[in-house]
C-alpha atoms as a PDB file:
ATOM      1  CA  MET A   1     -35.462  93.813 106.008  1.00  0.00           C
ATOM      2  CA  ALA A   2     -31.897  94.678 106.959  1.00  0.00           C
ATOM      3  CA  LEU A   3     -31.052  91.932 109.453  1.00  0.00           C
ATOM      4  CA  GLN A   4     -28.697  89.787 107.386  1.00  0.00           C
ATOM      5  CA  GLY A   5     -27.896  88.843 103.809  1.00  0.00           C
ATOM      6  CA  GLY A   6     -27.847  90.806 100.562  1.00  0.00           C
ATOM      7  CA  VAL A   7     -29.170  94.058 102.016  1.00  0.00           C
ATOM      8  CA  ALA A   8     -26.678  96.382 100.275  1.00  0.00           C
ATOM      9  CA  GLU A   9     -27.215  94.776  96.875  1.00  0.00           C
ATOM     10  CA  HIS A  10     -31.017  95.032  97.061  1.00  0.00           C
ATOM     11  CA  THR A  11     -30.750  98.605  98.351  1.00  0.00           C
ATOM     12  CA  ALA A  12     -28.550  99.598  95.409  1.00  0.00           C
ATOM     13  CA  MET A  13     -30.901  97.982  92.884  1.00  0.00           C
ATOM     14  CA  LEU A  14     -34.062  99.522  94.329  1.00  0.00           C
ATOM     15  CA  THR A  15     -32.464 102.945  94.718  1.00  0.00           C
ATOM     16  CA  GLY A  16     -31.261 102.719  91.120  1.00  0.00           C
ATOM     17  CA  LEU A  17     -34.864 102.089  90.073  1.00  0.00           C
ATOM     18  CA  GLY A  18     -36.010 105.239  91.897  1.00  0.00           C
ATOM     19  CA  ALA A  19     -37.373 103.675  95.086  1.00  0.00           C
ATOM     20  CA  ARG A  20     -36.767 105.198  98.518  1.00  0.00           C
ATOM     21  CA  VAL A  21     -35.293 102.458 100.679  1.00  0.00           C
ATOM     22  CA  VAL A  22     -35.673 102.336 104.461  1.00  0.00           C
ATOM     23  CA  PRO A  23     -33.551  99.687 106.259  1.00  0.00           C
ATOM     24  CA  VAL A  24     -35.726  97.810 108.770  1.00  0.00           C
ATOM     25  CA  ARG A  25     -33.752  96.377 111.695  1.00  0.00           C
ATOM     26  CA  THR A  26     -36.120  96.666 114.671  1.00  0.00           C
ATOM     27  CA  GLU A  27     -39.726  96.073 115.659  1.00  0.00           C
ATOM     28  CA  GLY A  28     -40.140  99.820 116.068  1.00  0.00           C
ATOM     29  CA  ALA A  29     -38.862 100.500 112.549  1.00  0.00           C
ATOM     30  CA  LEU A  30     -41.116  97.795 111.159  1.00  0.00           C
ATOM     31  CA  ARG A  31     -44.200  99.256 112.851  1.00  0.00           C
ATOM     32  CA  SER A  32     -43.422 102.956 112.532  1.00  0.00           C
ATOM     33  CA  SER A  33     -42.203 102.991 108.953  1.00  0.00           C
ATOM     34  CA  SER A  34     -44.813 103.745 106.354  1.00  0.00           C
ATOM     35  CA  LEU A  35     -43.682 100.848 104.194  1.00  0.00           C
ATOM     36  CA  ASP A  36     -45.097 100.408 100.713  1.00  0.00           C
ATOM     37  CA  GLY A  37     -43.387  97.034 100.409  1.00  0.00           C
ATOM     38  CA  LEU A  38     -40.647  94.905 101.905  1.00  0.00           C
ATOM     39  CA  VAL A  39     -37.742  92.878 100.533  1.00  0.00           C
ATOM     40  CA  LEU A  40     -36.603  89.787 102.431  1.00  0.00           C
ATOM     41  CA  PRO A  41     -33.088  89.324 101.049  1.00  0.00           C
ATOM     42  CA  GLY A  42     -31.121  86.151 100.582  1.00  0.00           C
ATOM     43  CA  GLY A  43     -28.805  85.077 103.358  1.00  0.00           C
ATOM     44  CA  GLU A  44     -29.195  82.252 105.860  1.00  0.00           C
ATOM     45  CA  SER A  45     -32.902  81.521 106.406  1.00  0.00           C
ATOM     46  CA  SER A  46     -32.461  79.887 109.820  1.00  0.00           C
ATOM     47  CA  THR A  47     -30.359  82.841 111.028  1.00  0.00           C
ATOM     48  CA  VAL A  48     -32.937  85.382 109.845  1.00  0.00           C
ATOM     49  CA  ASP A  49     -35.680  83.321 111.519  1.00  0.00           C
ATOM     50  CA  ARG A  50     -33.773  83.418 114.830  1.00  0.00           C
ATOM     51  CA  LEU A  51     -33.088  87.163 114.488  1.00  0.00           C
ATOM     52  CA  LEU A  52     -36.750  87.922 113.780  1.00  0.00           C
ATOM     53  CA  ARG A  53     -37.696  86.107 116.981  1.00  0.00           C
ATOM     54  CA  ARG A  54     -34.852  87.565 119.054  1.00  0.00           C
ATOM     55  CA  PHE A  55     -35.742  91.132 118.029  1.00  0.00           C
ATOM     56  CA  GLY A  56     -39.481  90.532 118.542  1.00  0.00           C
ATOM     57  CA  MET A  57     -40.305  91.187 114.880  1.00  0.00           C
ATOM     58  CA  ARG A  58     -41.652  87.848 113.742  1.00  0.00           C
ATOM     59  CA  GLU A  59     -45.325  88.197 114.684  1.00  0.00           C
ATOM     60  CA  SER A  60     -45.601  91.820 113.529  1.00  0.00           C
ATOM     61  CA  LEU A  61     -43.997  90.922 110.216  1.00  0.00           C
ATOM     62  CA  ARG A  62     -46.277  87.928 109.777  1.00  0.00           C
ATOM     63  CA  GLU A  63     -49.323  90.078 110.555  1.00  0.00           C
ATOM     64  CA  MET A  64     -48.290  92.852 108.153  1.00  0.00           C
ATOM     65  CA  LEU A  65     -47.621  90.383 105.327  1.00  0.00           C
ATOM     66  CA  GLY A  66     -50.884  88.584 106.068  1.00  0.00           C
ATOM     67  CA  ASN A  67     -52.670  91.933 105.779  1.00  0.00           C
ATOM     68  CA  GLY A  68     -51.286  92.451 102.286  1.00  0.00           C
ATOM     69  CA  LEU A  69     -47.956  94.282 102.585  1.00  0.00           C
ATOM     70  CA  PRO A  70     -46.237  93.597  99.245  1.00  0.00           C
ATOM     71  CA  VAL A  71     -43.099  91.496  99.654  1.00  0.00           C
ATOM     72  CA  LEU A  72     -40.271  90.203  97.495  1.00  0.00           C
ATOM     73  CA  GLY A  73     -38.335  87.319  99.030  1.00  0.00           C
ATOM     74  CA  THR A  74     -35.120  86.060  97.444  1.00  0.00           C
ATOM     75  CA  CYS A  75     -33.568  82.679  98.329  1.00  0.00           C
ATOM     76  CA  ALA A  76     -33.725  82.721 102.161  1.00  0.00           C
ATOM     77  CA  GLY A  77     -36.650  85.131 101.785  1.00  0.00           C
ATOM     78  CA  MET A  78     -38.541  82.472  99.806  1.00  0.00           C
ATOM     79  CA  ILE A  79     -37.956  79.979 102.617  1.00  0.00           C
ATOM     80  CA  LEU A  80     -39.177  82.486 105.215  1.00  0.00           C
ATOM     81  CA  LEU A  81     -42.361  83.213 103.250  1.00  0.00           C
ATOM     82  CA  ALA A  82     -43.315  79.571 102.596  1.00  0.00           C
ATOM     83  CA  GLU A  83     -46.057  77.815 104.541  1.00  0.00           C
ATOM     84  CA  GLN A  84     -43.932  74.685 104.805  1.00  0.00           C
ATOM     85  CA  ILE A  85     -40.211  73.885 104.690  1.00  0.00           C
ATOM     86  CA  VAL A  86     -38.957  70.415 103.837  1.00  0.00           C
ATOM     87  CA  ASP A  87     -35.977  69.533 106.037  1.00  0.00           C
ATOM     88  CA  PRO A  88     -35.789  72.786 108.047  1.00  0.00           C
ATOM     89  CA  ALA A  89     -32.811  73.559 110.266  1.00  0.00           C
ATOM     90  CA  PRO A  90     -33.388  72.617 113.934  1.00  0.00           C
ATOM     91  CA  ALA A  91     -36.163  74.821 115.408  1.00  0.00           C
ATOM     92  CA  GLN A  92     -36.511  76.746 112.125  1.00  0.00           C
ATOM     93  CA  GLU A  93     -39.956  78.145 111.357  1.00  0.00           C
ATOM     94  CA  SER A  94     -41.314  80.032 108.398  1.00  0.00           C
ATOM     95  CA  LEU A  95     -43.692  82.976 108.392  1.00  0.00           C
ATOM     96  CA  GLY A  96     -46.248  80.832 106.554  1.00  0.00           C
ATOM     97  CA  VAL A  97     -47.715  83.582 104.385  1.00  0.00           C
ATOM     98  CA  LEU A  98     -47.212  82.087 100.910  1.00  0.00           C
ATOM     99  CA  PRO A  99     -49.057  78.782 100.256  1.00  0.00           C
ATOM    100  CA  VAL A 100     -46.056  76.832  98.965  1.00  0.00           C
ATOM    101  CA  THR A 101     -43.779  74.083 100.233  1.00  0.00           C
ATOM    102  CA  VAL A 102     -40.064  74.598  99.631  1.00  0.00           C
ATOM    103  CA  ARG A 103     -37.042  72.356  99.922  1.00  0.00           C
ATOM    104  CA  ARG A 104     -33.903  74.081 101.192  1.00  0.00           C
ATOM    105  CA  ASN A 105     -30.616  73.675  99.291  1.00  0.00           C
ATOM    106  CA  ALA A 106     -32.447  71.879  96.471  1.00  0.00           C
ATOM    107  CA  PHE A 107     -29.762  72.539  93.870  1.00  0.00           C
ATOM    108  CA  GLY A 108     -26.735  71.446  95.843  1.00  0.00           C
ATOM    109  CA  ARG A 109     -24.066  72.892  98.075  1.00  0.00           C
ATOM    110  CA  GLN A 110     -22.168  76.161  97.794  1.00  0.00           C
ATOM    111  CA  LEU A 111     -19.767  74.492  95.330  1.00  0.00           C
ATOM    112  CA  ASP A 112     -22.725  73.818  93.018  1.00  0.00           C
ATOM    113  CA  SER A 113     -23.575  77.523  92.687  1.00  0.00           C
ATOM    114  CA  ALA A 114     -24.391  78.654  89.160  1.00  0.00           C
ATOM    115  CA  THR A 115     -25.555  81.647  87.174  1.00  0.00           C
ATOM    116  CA  GLU A 116     -27.948  81.145  84.285  1.00  0.00           C
ATOM    117  CA  VAL A 117     -30.538  82.979  82.227  1.00  0.00           C
ATOM    118  CA  LEU A 118     -34.124  81.959  82.982  1.00  0.00           C
ATOM    119  CA  GLU A 119     -37.294  82.523  81.025  1.00  0.00           C
ATOM    120  CA  SER A 120     -39.773  84.284  83.303  1.00  0.00           C
ATOM    121  CA  VAL A 121     -43.193  85.865  82.981  1.00  0.00           C
ATOM    122  CA  PHE A 122     -41.350  89.220  82.967  1.00  0.00           C
ATOM    123  CA  GLY A 123     -38.884  88.163  80.251  1.00  0.00           C
ATOM    124  CA  PRO A 124     -35.340  86.772  80.453  1.00  0.00           C
ATOM    125  CA  VAL A 125     -33.602  87.139  83.811  1.00  0.00           C
ATOM    126  CA  SER A 126     -30.012  86.484  84.854  1.00  0.00           C
ATOM    127  CA  ALA A 127     -30.172  84.467  88.072  1.00  0.00           C
ATOM    128  CA  ALA A 128     -27.525  83.307  90.554  1.00  0.00           C
ATOM    129  CA  PHE A 129     -28.330  80.067  92.372  1.00  0.00           C
ATOM    130  CA  ILE A 130     -26.468  79.644  95.676  1.00  0.00           C
ATOM    131  CA  ARG A 131     -27.710  76.802  97.907  1.00  0.00           C
ATOM    132  CA  ALA A 132     -31.099  77.708  96.481  1.00  0.00           C
ATOM    133  CA  PRO A 133     -34.518  76.375  97.507  1.00  0.00           C
ATOM    134  CA  GLU A 134     -37.070  74.882  95.127  1.00  0.00           C
ATOM    135  CA  VAL A 135     -40.848  75.111  95.302  1.00  0.00           C
ATOM    136  CA  ILE A 136     -42.000  71.495  95.377  1.00  0.00           C
ATOM    137  CA  CYS A 137     -45.696  72.138  95.947  1.00  0.00           C
ATOM    138  CA  ALA A 138     -47.925  75.187  95.439  1.00  0.00           C
ATOM    139  CA  ASP A 139     -51.599  75.730  96.185  1.00  0.00           C
ATOM    140  CA  ASP A 140     -54.095  76.849  93.577  1.00  0.00           C
ATOM    141  CA  GLY A 141     -53.801  80.548  92.894  1.00  0.00           C
ATOM    142  CA  VAL A 142     -50.004  80.586  93.152  1.00  0.00           C
ATOM    143  CA  GLN A 143     -48.559  81.729  89.843  1.00  0.00           C
ATOM    144  CA  VAL A 144     -45.352  80.146  88.600  1.00  0.00           C
ATOM    145  CA  LEU A 145     -43.153  83.067  87.515  1.00  0.00           C
ATOM    146  CA  ALA A 146     -40.075  81.073  86.451  1.00  0.00           C
ATOM    147  CA  ARG A 147     -38.770  77.521  86.228  1.00  0.00           C
ATOM    148  CA  ARG A 148     -35.215  76.362  85.909  1.00  0.00           C
ATOM    149  CA  GLY A 149     -34.355  75.055  82.427  1.00  0.00           C
ATOM    150  CA  THR A 150     -37.781  75.660  80.854  1.00  0.00           C
ATOM    151  CA  SER A 151     -40.429  78.314  80.349  1.00  0.00           C
ATOM    152  CA  PRO A 152     -42.727  79.210  83.285  1.00  0.00           C
ATOM    153  CA  ASP A 153     -45.389  76.852  81.907  1.00  0.00           C
ATOM    154  CA  GLY A 154     -42.892  74.027  81.307  1.00  0.00           C
ATOM    155  CA  GLU A 155     -41.847  71.109  83.496  1.00  0.00           C
ATOM    156  CA  GLY A 156     -38.603  72.338  85.105  1.00  0.00           C
ATOM    157  CA  PRO A 157     -38.112  72.990  88.826  1.00  0.00           C
ATOM    158  CA  VAL A 158     -40.165  75.964  90.084  1.00  0.00           C
ATOM    159  CA  VAL A 159     -37.816  78.774  91.148  1.00  0.00           C
ATOM    160  CA  ALA A 160     -40.092  81.845  91.257  1.00  0.00           C
ATOM    161  CA  VAL A 161     -43.707  82.198  92.366  1.00  0.00           C
ATOM    162  CA  GLY A 162     -46.206  84.908  93.166  1.00  0.00           C
ATOM    163  CA  LYS A 163     -49.582  85.241  94.785  1.00  0.00           C
ATOM    164  CA  GLY A 164     -51.312  88.549  95.389  1.00  0.00           C
ATOM    165  CA  PRO A 165     -48.800  91.010  96.816  1.00  0.00           C
ATOM    166  CA  ALA A 166     -46.100  88.346  97.439  1.00  0.00           C
ATOM    167  CA  MET A 167     -43.284  87.239  95.119  1.00  0.00           C
ATOM    168  CA  ALA A 168     -40.629  84.714  96.048  1.00  0.00           C
ATOM    169  CA  LEU A 169     -37.498  83.750  94.118  1.00  0.00           C
ATOM    170  CA  SER A 170     -35.094  80.938  94.873  1.00  0.00           C
ATOM    171  CA  PHE A 171     -32.270  82.804  93.158  1.00  0.00           C
ATOM    172  CA  HIS A 172     -30.337  86.056  93.632  1.00  0.00           C
ATOM    173  CA  PRO A 173     -30.992  88.622  90.879  1.00  0.00           C
ATOM    174  CA  GLU A 174     -29.303  91.236  93.080  1.00  0.00           C
ATOM    175  CA  LEU A 175     -25.977  89.426  92.562  1.00  0.00           C
ATOM    176  CA  THR A 176     -26.222  89.476  88.768  1.00  0.00           C
ATOM    177  CA  GLY A 177     -27.498  93.060  88.600  1.00  0.00           C
ATOM    178  CA  ASP A 178     -30.672  91.976  86.793  1.00  0.00           C
ATOM    179  CA  THR A 179     -33.523  94.311  87.784  1.00  0.00           C
ATOM    180  CA  THR A 180     -36.315  92.369  86.031  1.00  0.00           C
ATOM    181  CA  PHE A 181     -37.997  91.046  89.190  1.00  0.00           C
ATOM    182  CA  HIS A 182     -37.305  94.204  91.201  1.00  0.00           C
ATOM    183  CA  ARG A 183     -39.122  96.216  88.517  1.00  0.00           C
ATOM    184  CA  GLY A 184     -41.955  93.672  88.638  1.00  0.00           C
ATOM    185  CA  PHE A 185     -42.099  94.044  92.424  1.00  0.00           C
ATOM    186  CA  LEU A 186     -42.146  97.844  92.285  1.00  0.00           C
ATOM    187  CA  SER A 187     -44.964  97.740  89.724  1.00  0.00           C
ATOM    188  CA  ARG A 188     -47.114  95.974  92.385  1.00  0.00           C
ATOM    189  CA  LEU A 189     -46.695  98.791  94.928  1.00  0.00           C
END
């Protein structure tokens, strides 16, 4: 999804892993592209929500994801995928396709940004946290892929989840150059 956010960084990572990347900016491109999967990059979740509605893409995207289109959402992408958002921006809505509740900006303001190595189900990953969300509640069947400060089966804040064809991360691996989760995403296609 090439509306806003870390589009160039995700494109470079996926291309470097051998994927053919198609920027999706319109309803027509969303519907006419033979997409194997979709990345919802980090950026500003409320802005992307407004753009999806303004460009008439929201319902088609929701339908495609609901029908099983594989998706990787990072930071704002996690917020967009969640069923519920704690303290959303005014009029902000999510796509509601991943049965989790997220809290926006859970780890502080921009000044509190940090990079750290996480233990994940795919192995160690270098993750950048920038006004990142946290999963505060997940339905049965949602797999915890990484937690902050502990192993995925530990007690730390949940920062990566997956269910079926959907993966959502609260951090930005595209900013650290770590391809661990992108490789995991491509293996699901």
